[in-house]
Amino acid sequence: QVQVVESGGGLVQPGGSLRLSCTAPGSIFRLSIMGWYRQAPGKQRELVAAITPGGATNYTDSIKDRFTISRDNAKNTVVLQMNNLKPEDTAIYYCRNYLYNYWGRGTQVTVSS
């Protein structure tokens, strides 16, 4: 079983920042698009951002200019830097390896005062 592991969630006040990280085994990480998804209570899981092995990125409109996705192929890590967080960003955030469609277990992000 290939493992995709997220870390970095937590509780933050509106306007604050969090940094999420995701790692996967190198053999599949380097060849794969990696993505961050989120699922809020009562809502469907949605794409937040994705990045190709070459570094091309795609963002959902609601987080553009606030979130940044990046990857370090040497460390097999993809990072989601989240700034100016809003209460509506509260969700469980999941990392996805597109090559094999593997998902992490998720990390909770809560934005609240």
PDB file of N, CA and C in Angstrom:
ATOM      1  N   GLN A   1       0.845  -1.185   0.000  1.00  0.00           N
ATOM      2  CA  GLN A   1       0.000   0.000   0.000  1.00  0.00           C
ATOM      3  C   GLN A   1       0.890   1.248   0.000  1.00  0.00           C
ATOM      4  N   VAL A   2       0.751   2.030  -1.019  1.00  0.00           N
ATOM      5  CA  VAL A   2       1.520   3.265  -1.090  1.00  0.00           C
ATOM      6  C   VAL A   2       0.918   4.269  -0.137  1.00  0.00           C
ATOM      7  N   GLN A   3       1.782   4.992   0.554  1.00  0.00           N
ATOM      8  CA  GLN A   3       1.293   5.956   1.519  1.00  0.00           C
ATOM      9  C   GLN A   3       1.466   7.375   1.039  1.00  0.00           C
ATOM     10  N   VAL A   4       0.388   8.114   1.135  1.00  0.00           N
ATOM     11  CA  VAL A   4       0.409   9.550   0.925  1.00  0.00           C
ATOM     12  C   VAL A   4       0.040  10.158   2.272  1.00  0.00           C
ATOM     13  N   VAL A   5       0.904  10.978   2.821  1.00  0.00           N
ATOM     14  CA  VAL A   5       0.742  11.446   4.187  1.00  0.00           C
ATOM     15  C   VAL A   5       0.747  12.960   4.238  1.00  0.00           C
ATOM     16  N   GLU A   6      -0.324  13.519   4.815  1.00  0.00           N
ATOM     17  CA  GLU A   6      -0.434  14.972   4.993  1.00  0.00           C
ATOM     18  C   GLU A   6      -0.041  15.359   6.414  1.00  0.00           C
ATOM     19  N   SER A   7       0.365  16.623   6.556  1.00  0.00           N
ATOM     20  CA  SER A   7       0.633  17.185   7.872  1.00  0.00           C
ATOM     21  C   SER A   7       0.472  18.697   7.806  1.00  0.00           C
ATOM     22  N   GLY A   8       0.308  19.323   8.978  1.00  0.00           N
ATOM     23  CA  GLY A   8       0.328  20.776   9.036  1.00  0.00           C
ATOM     24  C   GLY A   8      -0.990  21.461   9.305  1.00  0.00           C
ATOM     25  N   GLY A   9      -2.073  20.724   9.451  1.00  0.00           N
ATOM     26  CA  GLY A   9      -3.346  21.362   9.738  1.00  0.00           C
ATOM     27  C   GLY A   9      -3.402  21.910  11.143  1.00  0.00           C
ATOM     28  N   GLY A  10      -4.526  22.561  11.451  1.00  0.00           N
ATOM     29  CA  GLY A  10      -4.692  23.102  12.796  1.00  0.00           C
ATOM     30  C   GLY A  10      -5.759  24.167  12.849  1.00  0.00           C
ATOM     31  N   LEU A  11      -5.766  24.875  13.966  1.00  0.00           N
ATOM     32  CA  LEU A  11      -6.723  25.953  14.198  1.00  0.00           C
ATOM     33  C   LEU A  11      -6.006  27.292  14.022  1.00  0.00           C
ATOM     34  N   VAL A  12      -6.609  28.174  13.252  1.00  0.00           N
ATOM     35  CA  VAL A  12      -6.011  29.483  13.005  1.00  0.00           C
ATOM     36  C   VAL A  12      -7.112  30.528  12.953  1.00  0.00           C
ATOM     37  N   GLN A  13      -6.783  31.753  13.341  1.00  0.00           N
ATOM     38  CA  GLN A  13      -7.750  32.839  13.283  1.00  0.00           C
ATOM     39  C   GLN A  13      -7.902  33.360  11.852  1.00  0.00           C
ATOM     40  N   PRO A  14      -9.036  33.953  11.548  1.00  0.00           N
ATOM     41  CA  PRO A  14      -9.194  34.566  10.212  1.00  0.00           C
ATOM     42  C   PRO A  14      -8.059  35.538   9.924  1.00  0.00           C
ATOM     43  N   GLY A  15      -7.565  35.472   8.699  1.00  0.00           N
ATOM     44  CA  GLY A  15      -6.427  36.292   8.306  1.00  0.00           C
ATOM     45  C   GLY A  15      -5.081  35.637   8.547  1.00  0.00           C
ATOM     46  N   GLY A  16      -5.083  34.520   9.241  1.00  0.00           N
ATOM     47  CA  GLY A  16      -3.842  33.822   9.549  1.00  0.00           C
ATOM     48  C   GLY A  16      -3.364  32.932   8.411  1.00  0.00           C
ATOM     49  N   SER A  17      -2.287  32.215   8.679  1.00  0.00           N
ATOM     50  CA  SER A  17      -1.659  31.355   7.665  1.00  0.00           C
ATOM     51  C   SER A  17      -1.409  29.966   8.216  1.00  0.00           C
ATOM     52  N   LEU A  18      -1.424  28.999   7.317  1.00  0.00           N
ATOM     53  CA  LEU A  18      -1.024  27.633   7.620  1.00  0.00           C
ATOM     54  C   LEU A  18      -0.270  27.074   6.422  1.00  0.00           C
ATOM     55  N   ARG A  19       0.588  26.101   6.718  1.00  0.00           N
ATOM     56  CA  ARG A  19       1.369  25.441   5.674  1.00  0.00           C
ATOM     57  C   ARG A  19       1.126  23.948   5.770  1.00  0.00           C
ATOM     58  N   LEU A  20       0.550  23.383   4.723  1.00  0.00           N
ATOM     59  CA  LEU A  20       0.302  21.942   4.676  1.00  0.00           C
ATOM     60  C   LEU A  20       1.386  21.263   3.845  1.00  0.00           C
ATOM     61  N   SER A  21       1.809  20.094   4.291  1.00  0.00           N
ATOM     62  CA  SER A  21       2.796  19.312   3.559  1.00  0.00           C
ATOM     63  C   SER A  21       2.252  17.925   3.268  1.00  0.00           C
ATOM     64  N   CYS A  22       2.726  17.345   2.181  1.00  0.00           N
ATOM     65  CA  CYS A  22       2.326  15.997   1.793  1.00  0.00           C
ATOM     66  C   CYS A  22       3.545  15.279   1.221  1.00  0.00           C
ATOM     67  N   THR A  23       3.757  14.057   1.664  1.00  0.00           N
ATOM     68  CA  THR A  23       4.858  13.258   1.130  1.00  0.00           C
ATOM     69  C   THR A  23       4.322  11.954   0.546  1.00  0.00           C
ATOM     70  N   ALA A  24       5.056  11.427  -0.401  1.00  0.00           N
ATOM     71  CA  ALA A  24       4.735  10.134  -1.010  1.00  0.00           C
ATOM     72  C   ALA A  24       6.053   9.494  -1.428  1.00  0.00           C
ATOM     73  N   PRO A  25       6.047   8.168  -1.615  1.00  0.00           N
ATOM     74  CA  PRO A  25       7.278   7.510  -2.061  1.00  0.00           C
ATOM     75  C   PRO A  25       7.809   8.142  -3.340  1.00  0.00           C
ATOM     76  N   GLY A  26       9.113   8.247  -3.433  1.00  0.00           N
ATOM     77  CA  GLY A  26       9.729   8.975  -4.522  1.00  0.00           C
ATOM     78  C   GLY A  26       9.406   8.447  -5.904  1.00  0.00           C
ATOM     79  N   SER A  27       9.311   7.158  -6.059  1.00  0.00           N
ATOM     80  CA  SER A  27       9.112   6.574  -7.385  1.00  0.00           C
ATOM     81  C   SER A  27       7.807   7.037  -8.025  1.00  0.00           C
ATOM     82  N   ILE A  28       6.775   7.241  -7.228  1.00  0.00           N
ATOM     83  CA  ILE A  28       5.501   7.693  -7.798  1.00  0.00           C
ATOM     84  C   ILE A  28       5.366   9.193  -7.704  1.00  0.00           C
ATOM     85  N   PHE A  29       6.039   9.794  -6.740  1.00  0.00           N
ATOM     86  CA  PHE A  29       5.895  11.241  -6.562  1.00  0.00           C
ATOM     87  C   PHE A  29       6.452  11.988  -7.764  1.00  0.00           C
ATOM     88  N   ARG A  30       7.629  11.653  -8.184  1.00  0.00           N
ATOM     89  CA  ARG A  30       8.320  12.429  -9.209  1.00  0.00           C
ATOM     90  C   ARG A  30       7.608  12.384 -10.550  1.00  0.00           C
ATOM     91  N   LEU A  31       6.850  11.333 -10.814  1.00  0.00           N
ATOM     92  CA  LEU A  31       6.184  11.176 -12.110  1.00  0.00           C
ATOM     93  C   LEU A  31       4.751  11.688 -12.123  1.00  0.00           C
ATOM     94  N   SER A  32       4.265  12.109 -10.970  1.00  0.00           N
ATOM     95  CA  SER A  32       2.826  12.332 -10.842  1.00  0.00           C
ATOM     96  C   SER A  32       2.442  13.776 -10.616  1.00  0.00           C
ATOM     97  N   ILE A  33       1.307  14.157 -11.203  1.00  0.00           N
ATOM     98  CA  ILE A  33       0.626  15.351 -10.735  1.00  0.00           C
ATOM     99  C   ILE A  33       0.240  15.108  -9.277  1.00  0.00           C
ATOM    100  N   MET A  34       0.393  16.121  -8.452  1.00  0.00           N
ATOM    101  CA  MET A  34      -0.032  16.055  -7.054  1.00  0.00           C
ATOM    102  C   MET A  34      -1.060  17.152  -6.821  1.00  0.00           C
ATOM    103  N   GLY A  35      -2.062  16.834  -6.017  1.00  0.00           N
ATOM    104  CA  GLY A  35      -3.124  17.813  -5.797  1.00  0.00           C
ATOM    105  C   GLY A  35      -3.558  17.875  -4.352  1.00  0.00           C
ATOM    106  N   TRP A  36      -4.096  19.022  -3.994  1.00  0.00           N
ATOM    107  CA  TRP A  36      -4.749  19.231  -2.706  1.00  0.00           C
ATOM    108  C   TRP A  36      -6.242  19.412  -2.951  1.00  0.00           C
ATOM    109  N   TYR A  37      -7.023  18.680  -2.186  1.00  0.00           N
ATOM    110  CA  TYR A  37      -8.473  18.776  -2.216  1.00  0.00           C
ATOM    111  C   TYR A  37      -8.955  19.120  -0.808  1.00  0.00           C
ATOM    112  N   ARG A  38     -10.201  19.545  -0.709  1.00  0.00           N
ATOM    113  CA  ARG A  38     -10.763  19.780   0.613  1.00  0.00           C
ATOM    114  C   ARG A  38     -12.237  19.402   0.620  1.00  0.00           C
ATOM    115  N   GLN A  39     -12.697  19.047   1.802  1.00  0.00           N
ATOM    116  CA  GLN A  39     -14.103  18.708   1.972  1.00  0.00           C
ATOM    117  C   GLN A  39     -14.611  19.320   3.261  1.00  0.00           C
ATOM    118  N   ALA A  40     -15.560  20.226   3.114  1.00  0.00           N
ATOM    119  CA  ALA A  40     -16.195  20.854   4.264  1.00  0.00           C
ATOM    120  C   ALA A  40     -17.415  20.034   4.672  1.00  0.00           C
ATOM    121  N   PRO A  41     -17.858  20.169   5.913  1.00  0.00           N
ATOM    122  CA  PRO A  41     -19.026  19.410   6.364  1.00  0.00           C
ATOM    123  C   PRO A  41     -20.239  19.642   5.471  1.00  0.00           C
ATOM    124  N   GLY A  42     -20.840  18.570   5.020  1.00  0.00           N
ATOM    125  CA  GLY A  42     -22.042  18.663   4.204  1.00  0.00           C
ATOM    126  C   GLY A  42     -21.810  19.035   2.756  1.00  0.00           C
ATOM    127  N   LYS A  43     -20.543  19.114   2.362  1.00  0.00           N
ATOM    128  CA  LYS A  43     -20.231  19.506   0.981  1.00  0.00           C
ATOM    129  C   LYS A  43     -19.410  18.421   0.297  1.00  0.00           C
ATOM    130  N   GLN A  44     -19.376  18.498  -1.025  1.00  0.00           N
ATOM    131  CA  GLN A  44     -18.575  17.557  -1.790  1.00  0.00           C
ATOM    132  C   GLN A  44     -17.095  17.926  -1.725  1.00  0.00           C
ATOM    133  N   ARG A  45     -16.260  16.934  -1.902  1.00  0.00           N
ATOM    134  CA  ARG A  45     -14.830  17.190  -1.972  1.00  0.00           C
ATOM    135  C   ARG A  45     -14.526  17.978  -3.242  1.00  0.00           C
ATOM    136  N   GLU A  46     -13.670  18.986  -3.106  1.00  0.00           N
ATOM    137  CA  GLU A  46     -13.350  19.840  -4.252  1.00  0.00           C
ATOM    138  C   GLU A  46     -11.851  20.012  -4.402  1.00  0.00           C
ATOM    139  N   LEU A  47     -11.430  20.218  -5.642  1.00  0.00           N
ATOM    140  CA  LEU A  47     -10.027  20.499  -5.917  1.00  0.00           C
ATOM    141  C   LEU A  47      -9.687  21.894  -5.412  1.00  0.00           C
ATOM    142  N   VAL A  48      -8.544  22.007  -4.726  1.00  0.00           N
ATOM    143  CA  VAL A  48      -8.025  23.306  -4.296  1.00  0.00           C
ATOM    144  C   VAL A  48      -6.916  23.757  -5.236  1.00  0.00           C
ATOM    145  N   ALA A  49      -5.928  22.885  -5.427  1.00  0.00           N
ATOM    146  CA  ALA A  49      -4.795  23.226  -6.273  1.00  0.00           C
ATOM    147  C   ALA A  49      -4.091  21.949  -6.699  1.00  0.00           C
ATOM    148  N   ALA A  50      -3.410  22.013  -7.842  1.00  0.00           N
ATOM    149  CA  ALA A  50      -2.659  20.870  -8.337  1.00  0.00           C
ATOM    150  C   ALA A  50      -1.393  21.359  -9.003  1.00  0.00           C
ATOM    151  N   ILE A  51      -0.393  20.462  -9.057  1.00  0.00           N
ATOM    152  CA  ILE A  51       0.887  20.833  -9.639  1.00  0.00           C
ATOM    153  C   ILE A  51       1.453  19.634 -10.389  1.00  0.00           C
ATOM    154  N   THR A  52       1.953  19.892 -11.604  1.00  0.00           N
ATOM    155  CA  THR A  52       2.533  18.838 -12.418  1.00  0.00           C
ATOM    156  C   THR A  52       3.975  18.559 -11.992  1.00  0.00           C
ATOM    157  N   PRO A  53       4.557  17.457 -12.471  1.00  0.00           N
ATOM    158  CA  PRO A  53       5.973  17.208 -12.148  1.00  0.00           C
ATOM    159  C   PRO A  53       6.893  18.344 -12.577  1.00  0.00           C
ATOM    160  N   GLY A  54       6.525  19.038 -13.620  1.00  0.00           N
ATOM    161  CA  GLY A  54       7.337  20.142 -14.103  1.00  0.00           C
ATOM    162  C   GLY A  54       7.073  21.474 -13.425  1.00  0.00           C
ATOM    163  N   GLY A  55       6.049  21.508 -12.559  1.00  0.00           N
ATOM    164  CA  GLY A  55       5.792  22.723 -11.803  1.00  0.00           C
ATOM    165  C   GLY A  55       4.632  23.582 -12.283  1.00  0.00           C
ATOM    166  N   ALA A  56       3.939  23.168 -13.321  1.00  0.00           N
ATOM    167  CA  ALA A  56       2.758  23.927 -13.749  1.00  0.00           C
ATOM    168  C   ALA A  56       1.656  23.751 -12.707  1.00  0.00           C
ATOM    169  N   THR A  57       0.929  24.840 -12.444  1.00  0.00           N
ATOM    170  CA  THR A  57      -0.059  24.818 -11.360  1.00  0.00           C
ATOM    171  C   THR A  57      -1.457  25.157 -11.853  1.00  0.00           C
ATOM    172  N   ASN A  58      -2.432  24.729 -11.067  1.00  0.00           N
ATOM    173  CA  ASN A  58      -3.839  25.022 -11.329  1.00  0.00           C
ATOM    174  C   ASN A  58      -4.506  25.261  -9.983  1.00  0.00           C
ATOM    175  N   TYR A  59      -5.315  26.328  -9.909  1.00  0.00           N
ATOM    176  CA  TYR A  59      -5.976  26.684  -8.654  1.00  0.00           C
ATOM    177  C   TYR A  59      -7.475  26.862  -8.880  1.00  0.00           C
ATOM    178  N   THR A  60      -8.242  26.538  -7.857  1.00  0.00           N
ATOM    179  CA  THR A  60      -9.650  26.883  -7.913  1.00  0.00           C
ATOM    180  C   THR A  60      -9.794  28.371  -7.627  1.00  0.00           C
ATOM    181  N   ASP A  61     -10.819  28.981  -8.221  1.00  0.00           N
ATOM    182  CA  ASP A  61     -10.932  30.441  -8.174  1.00  0.00           C
ATOM    183  C   ASP A  61     -11.021  30.993  -6.754  1.00  0.00           C
ATOM    184  N   SER A  62     -11.664  30.281  -5.852  1.00  0.00           N
ATOM    185  CA  SER A  62     -11.934  30.827  -4.524  1.00  0.00           C
ATOM    186  C   SER A  62     -10.677  31.041  -3.684  1.00  0.00           C
ATOM    187  N   ILE A  63      -9.575  30.432  -4.059  1.00  0.00           N
ATOM    188  CA  ILE A  63      -8.349  30.553  -3.263  1.00  0.00           C
ATOM    189  C   ILE A  63      -7.198  31.209  -4.023  1.00  0.00           C
ATOM    190  N   LYS A  64      -7.428  31.600  -5.248  1.00  0.00           N
ATOM    191  CA  LYS A  64      -6.367  32.258  -6.018  1.00  0.00           C
ATOM    192  C   LYS A  64      -5.891  33.513  -5.293  1.00  0.00           C
ATOM    193  N   ASP A  65      -4.593  33.748  -5.355  1.00  0.00           N
ATOM    194  CA  ASP A  65      -3.935  34.897  -4.722  1.00  0.00           C
ATOM    195  C   ASP A  65      -3.837  34.762  -3.210  1.00  0.00           C
ATOM    196  N   ARG A  66      -4.348  33.664  -2.647  1.00  0.00           N
ATOM    197  CA  ARG A  66      -4.201  33.428  -1.200  1.00  0.00           C
ATOM    198  C   ARG A  66      -3.398  32.166  -0.919  1.00  0.00           C
ATOM    199  N   PHE A  67      -3.575  31.149  -1.753  1.00  0.00           N
ATOM    200  CA  PHE A  67      -2.894  29.876  -1.569  1.00  0.00           C
ATOM    201  C   PHE A  67      -1.839  29.690  -2.651  1.00  0.00           C
ATOM    202  N   THR A  68      -0.760  29.001  -2.305  1.00  0.00           N
ATOM    203  CA  THR A  68       0.286  28.672  -3.268  1.00  0.00           C
ATOM    204  C   THR A  68       0.687  27.215  -3.108  1.00  0.00           C
ATOM    205  N   ILE A  69       0.682  26.484  -4.217  1.00  0.00           N
ATOM    206  CA  ILE A  69       1.136  25.096  -4.202  1.00  0.00           C
ATOM    207  C   ILE A  69       2.540  25.039  -4.786  1.00  0.00           C
ATOM    208  N   SER A  70       3.384  24.203  -4.183  1.00  0.00           N
ATOM    209  CA  SER A  70       4.742  24.025  -4.680  1.00  0.00           C
ATOM    210  C   SER A  70       5.173  22.591  -4.397  1.00  0.00           C
ATOM    211  N   ARG A  71       6.252  22.181  -5.055  1.00  0.00           N
ATOM    212  CA  ARG A  71       6.745  20.835  -4.827  1.00  0.00           C
ATOM    213  C   ARG A  71       8.262  20.817  -4.824  1.00  0.00           C
ATOM    214  N   ASP A  72       8.794  19.883  -4.071  1.00  0.00           N
ATOM    215  CA  ASP A  72      10.232  19.644  -4.031  1.00  0.00           C
ATOM    216  C   ASP A  72      10.435  18.182  -4.402  1.00  0.00           C
ATOM    217  N   ASN A  73      10.823  17.939  -5.632  1.00  0.00           N
ATOM    218  CA  ASN A  73      10.953  16.565  -6.103  1.00  0.00           C
ATOM    219  C   ASN A  73      12.100  15.827  -5.417  1.00  0.00           C
ATOM    220  N   ALA A  74      13.087  16.550  -4.929  1.00  0.00           N
ATOM    221  CA  ALA A  74      14.197  15.909  -4.217  1.00  0.00           C
ATOM    222  C   ALA A  74      13.753  15.386  -2.849  1.00  0.00           C
ATOM    223  N   LYS A  75      12.754  16.054  -2.263  1.00  0.00           N
ATOM    224  CA  LYS A  75      12.251  15.657  -0.943  1.00  0.00           C
ATOM    225  C   LYS A  75      10.912  14.937  -1.022  1.00  0.00           C
ATOM    226  N   ASN A  76      10.417  14.727  -2.254  1.00  0.00           N
ATOM    227  CA  ASN A  76       9.131  14.027  -2.446  1.00  0.00           C
ATOM    228  C   ASN A  76       8.012  14.686  -1.653  1.00  0.00           C
ATOM    229  N   THR A  77       7.983  16.005  -1.693  1.00  0.00           N
ATOM    230  CA  THR A  77       7.042  16.766  -0.883  1.00  0.00           C
ATOM    231  C   THR A  77       6.318  17.792  -1.725  1.00  0.00           C
ATOM    232  N   VAL A  78       5.028  17.928  -1.467  1.00  0.00           N
ATOM    233  CA  VAL A  78       4.243  19.001  -2.057  1.00  0.00           C
ATOM    234  C   VAL A  78       3.667  19.824  -0.900  1.00  0.00           C
ATOM    235  N   VAL A  79       3.725  21.119  -1.057  1.00  0.00           N
ATOM    236  CA  VAL A  79       3.339  22.044   0.012  1.00  0.00           C
ATOM    237  C   VAL A  79       2.207  22.938  -0.465  1.00  0.00           C
ATOM    238  N   LEU A  80       1.261  23.186   0.421  1.00  0.00           N
ATOM    239  CA  LEU A  80       0.201  24.163   0.169  1.00  0.00           C
ATOM    240  C   LEU A  80       0.341  25.267   1.208  1.00  0.00           C
ATOM    241  N   GLN A  81       0.803  26.420   0.780  1.00  0.00           N
ATOM    242  CA  GLN A  81       0.910  27.582   1.657  1.00  0.00           C
ATOM    243  C   GLN A  81      -0.402  28.347   1.591  1.00  0.00           C
ATOM    244  N   MET A  82      -1.047  28.503   2.730  1.00  0.00           N
ATOM    245  CA  MET A  82      -2.358  29.141   2.779  1.00  0.00           C
ATOM    246  C   MET A  82      -2.268  30.422   3.594  1.00  0.00           C
ATOM    247  N   ASN A  83      -2.535  31.545   2.948  1.00  0.00           N
ATOM    248  CA  ASN A  83      -2.485  32.856   3.601  1.00  0.00           C
ATOM    249  C   ASN A  83      -3.864  33.495   3.609  1.00  0.00           C
ATOM    250  N   ASN A  84      -4.038  34.481   4.473  1.00  0.00           N
ATOM    251  CA  ASN A  84      -5.301  35.208   4.576  1.00  0.00           C
ATOM    252  C   ASN A  84      -6.486  34.242   4.645  1.00  0.00           C
ATOM    253  N   LEU A  85      -6.391  33.298   5.546  1.00  0.00           N
ATOM    254  CA  LEU A  85      -7.421  32.268   5.661  1.00  0.00           C
ATOM    255  C   LEU A  85      -8.742  32.856   6.123  1.00  0.00           C
ATOM    256  N   LYS A  86      -9.814  32.258   5.611  1.00  0.00           N
ATOM    257  CA  LYS A  86     -11.166  32.698   5.915  1.00  0.00           C
ATOM    258  C   LYS A  86     -11.949  31.552   6.557  1.00  0.00           C
ATOM    259  N   PRO A  87     -12.995  31.856   7.288  1.00  0.00           N
ATOM    260  CA  PRO A  87     -13.792  30.772   7.909  1.00  0.00           C
ATOM    261  C   PRO A  87     -14.287  29.751   6.887  1.00  0.00           C
ATOM    262  N   GLU A  88     -14.573  30.203   5.677  1.00  0.00           N
ATOM    263  CA  GLU A  88     -15.059  29.271   4.652  1.00  0.00           C
ATOM    264  C   GLU A  88     -13.979  28.339   4.122  1.00  0.00           C
ATOM    265  N   ASP A  89     -12.730  28.530   4.541  1.00  0.00           N
ATOM    266  CA  ASP A  89     -11.658  27.594   4.195  1.00  0.00           C
ATOM    267  C   ASP A  89     -11.629  26.398   5.143  1.00  0.00           C
ATOM    268  N   THR A  90     -12.442  26.432   6.170  1.00  0.00           N
ATOM    269  CA  THR A  90     -12.491  25.322   7.123  1.00  0.00           C
ATOM    270  C   THR A  90     -12.934  24.049   6.428  1.00  0.00           C
ATOM    271  N   ALA A  91     -12.125  23.006   6.551  1.00  0.00           N
ATOM    272  CA  ALA A  91     -12.393  21.732   5.870  1.00  0.00           C
ATOM    273  C   ALA A  91     -11.314  20.728   6.254  1.00  0.00           C
ATOM    274  N   ILE A  92     -11.539  19.491   5.845  1.00  0.00           N
ATOM    275  CA  ILE A  92     -10.459  18.507   5.872  1.00  0.00           C
ATOM    276  C   ILE A  92      -9.748  18.603   4.521  1.00  0.00           C
ATOM    277  N   TYR A  93      -8.444  18.724   4.566  1.00  0.00           N
ATOM    278  CA  TYR A  93      -7.643  18.865   3.358  1.00  0.00           C
ATOM    279  C   TYR A  93      -6.933  17.546   3.064  1.00  0.00           C
ATOM    280  N   TYR A  94      -7.081  17.097   1.818  1.00  0.00           N
ATOM    281  CA  TYR A  94      -6.535  15.816   1.388  1.00  0.00           C
ATOM    282  C   TYR A  94      -5.494  16.026   0.287  1.00  0.00           C
ATOM    283  N   CYS A  95      -4.472  15.194   0.319  1.00  0.00           N
ATOM    284  CA  CYS A  95      -3.470  15.174  -0.734  1.00  0.00           C
ATOM    285  C   CYS A  95      -3.750  13.984  -1.651  1.00  0.00           C
ATOM    286  N   ARG A  96      -3.577  14.203  -2.936  1.00  0.00           N
ATOM    287  CA  ARG A  96      -3.854  13.152  -3.921  1.00  0.00           C
ATOM    288  C   ARG A  96      -2.666  12.961  -4.848  1.00  0.00           C
ATOM    289  N   ASN A  97      -2.321  11.701  -5.044  1.00  0.00           N
ATOM    290  CA  ASN A  97      -1.357  11.307  -6.065  1.00  0.00           C
ATOM    291  C   ASN A  97      -2.150  10.845  -7.282  1.00  0.00           C
ATOM    292  N   TYR A  98      -2.052  11.606  -8.361  1.00  0.00           N
ATOM    293  CA  TYR A  98      -2.877  11.335  -9.531  1.00  0.00           C
ATOM    294  C   TYR A  98      -2.464  10.060 -10.262  1.00  0.00           C
ATOM    295  N   LEU A  99      -1.189   9.727 -10.218  1.00  0.00           N
ATOM    296  CA  LEU A  99      -0.688   8.613 -11.028  1.00  0.00           C
ATOM    297  C   LEU A  99      -1.393   7.307 -10.676  1.00  0.00           C
ATOM    298  N   TYR A 100      -1.559   7.075  -9.370  1.00  0.00           N
ATOM    299  CA  TYR A 100      -2.225   5.857  -8.925  1.00  0.00           C
ATOM    300  C   TYR A 100      -3.550   6.163  -8.219  1.00  0.00           C
ATOM    301  N   ASN A 101      -3.938   7.410  -8.223  1.00  0.00           N
ATOM    302  CA  ASN A 101      -5.153   7.841  -7.529  1.00  0.00           C
ATOM    303  C   ASN A 101      -5.122   7.443  -6.054  1.00  0.00           C
ATOM    304  N   TYR A 102      -3.971   7.695  -5.422  1.00  0.00           N
ATOM    305  CA  TYR A 102      -3.865   7.448  -3.992  1.00  0.00           C
ATOM    306  C   TYR A 102      -4.170   8.738  -3.239  1.00  0.00           C
ATOM    307  N   TRP A 103      -4.868   8.569  -2.108  1.00  0.00           N
ATOM    308  CA  TRP A 103      -5.254   9.716  -1.291  1.00  0.00           C
ATOM    309  C   TRP A 103      -4.684   9.564   0.116  1.00  0.00           C
ATOM    310  N   GLY A 104      -4.356  10.676   0.730  1.00  0.00           N
ATOM    311  CA  GLY A 104      -4.008  10.666   2.133  1.00  0.00           C
ATOM    312  C   GLY A 104      -5.258  10.621   2.989  1.00  0.00           C
ATOM    313  N   ARG A 105      -5.058  10.527   4.308  1.00  0.00           N
ATOM    314  CA  ARG A 105      -6.186  10.448   5.232  1.00  0.00           C
ATOM    315  C   ARG A 105      -6.767  11.817   5.566  1.00  0.00           C
ATOM    316  N   GLY A 106      -6.066  12.857   5.214  1.00  0.00           N
ATOM    317  CA  GLY A 106      -6.575  14.198   5.434  1.00  0.00           C
ATOM    318  C   GLY A 106      -6.034  14.854   6.690  1.00  0.00           C
ATOM    319  N   THR A 107      -6.056  16.184   6.674  1.00  0.00           N
ATOM    320  CA  THR A 107      -5.668  16.966   7.833  1.00  0.00           C
ATOM    321  C   THR A 107      -6.687  18.094   8.015  1.00  0.00           C
ATOM    322  N   GLN A 108      -7.106  18.294   9.246  1.00  0.00           N
ATOM    323  CA  GLN A 108      -8.165  19.265   9.534  1.00  0.00           C
ATOM    324  C   GLN A 108      -7.603  20.673   9.579  1.00  0.00           C
ATOM    325  N   VAL A 109      -8.266  21.572   8.870  1.00  0.00           N
ATOM    326  CA  VAL A 109      -7.970  23.007   8.944  1.00  0.00           C
ATOM    327  C   VAL A 109      -9.225  23.715   9.436  1.00  0.00           C
ATOM    328  N   THR A 110      -9.087  24.438  10.529  1.00  0.00           N
ATOM    329  CA  THR A 110     -10.211  25.173  11.100  1.00  0.00           C
ATOM    330  C   THR A 110      -9.831  26.636  11.220  1.00  0.00           C
ATOM    331  N   VAL A 111     -10.644  27.497  10.614  1.00  0.00           N
ATOM    332  CA  VAL A 111     -10.412  28.940  10.661  1.00  0.00           C
ATOM    333  C   VAL A 111     -11.538  29.553  11.480  1.00  0.00           C
ATOM    334  N   SER A 112     -11.180  30.040  12.656  1.00  0.00           N
ATOM    335  CA  SER A 112     -12.199  30.554  13.567  1.00  0.00           C
ATOM    336  C   SER A 112     -11.566  31.504  14.575  1.00  0.00           C
ATOM    337  N   SER A 113     -12.345  32.499  14.975  1.00  0.00           N
ATOM    338  CA  SER A 113     -11.878  33.406  16.018  1.00  0.00           C
ATOM    339  C   SER A 113     -12.335  32.938  17.399  1.00  0.00           C
TER     340      SER A 113
END
